[in-house]
Amino acid sequence: MPHDPHHAARARSFDSVAAQYAASRPGYPPQLFDAIEEAAGRSLKGARTLDVGAGTGIATRLLAARGAQVIAVEPGAGMAAQLRADLPGIPLVRAVGDALPFPDTAAFDVVCYAQAWHWTDPARSVPEAMRVLRPGGALALWWNIPYRETGWAADQEARLARRLPGYDRHRVTDDPDALFRRHGLRSAFRAAEWTRPVPLDTHLAMLGSHSQLAVVAPATAAAILEDERTALLDAFPDGIVQEEYGVDLTVTLCPAVPS
């Protein structure tokens, strides 16, 4: 689903920063998984779960910790290698959500996209998710959305927008609720809020793992991040950055087979 001329390059860029991505990207708060269970109408414990666009396994690990029986799906070689190194006990399939390599229908209770739906073509990924879900199974999409409306975060947003052509705030995707309605599906929306205090170096590594910075020349990225270091030390002289997030979650259920 190309959103800009550099979409494919941005999608591939994560392989070059996989270790950095695994070490610096935020996880997800427990209330997110509570909300998934509420919307899905079942516990994640024992649920046959597909984590599509699993990346380095940040969500995979948390789903498994809730007792889900997880299979990770990740197309990128670098990201998949990092996931294998970090989570050797999790089954991993190299594939994309637009063409899931599972011949059986109704194979899964839950299909998840954590921070990954915007890299798919919904015209293909929605039918694929519905195909592999059992009737009544749940498709769950979620994103960590940084709060960047005021204060230091808004200032950082403005600096990055000035220096990175085509910079976007977070995900680039259709509204999931409208998308599901076009496919005749109903969705339930939930949100969680949380704060992650991290050392400045972790925050800068997290920024550097985003595709907008991963695709520019290394010297350009280094200069941008060094300027961010200077600016953030003014805002956080103790060197601990308070990252604030809202988690957007959309869940839709696979239609039941008519009796």
Foldseek 3Di string as FASTA:
>chain_A
DDPDPCLVVLLQLLLVLLVLQVQFPDADDPVVQVVVCVFLVHFQAAWAEEEFQCFLPRVVVVSVVSNHLYEYEHQHPSRVVNNCVVCVPHHYHHDHLLDDPDPQFQQGQEYEYELHPLSDDCVRNVVSVLRNHHASGKYKYKYWFWDQDDDPSVVLVVLCPVQQPPDDRGGDDDDVQVSQVVVVWHKDKDKDKDKDWDFLVSVLSNVCSRSSNSPDDPVSSVVSSVVVVVSVCVVVVVRIDIIITMMIMMMIGRHHDDD
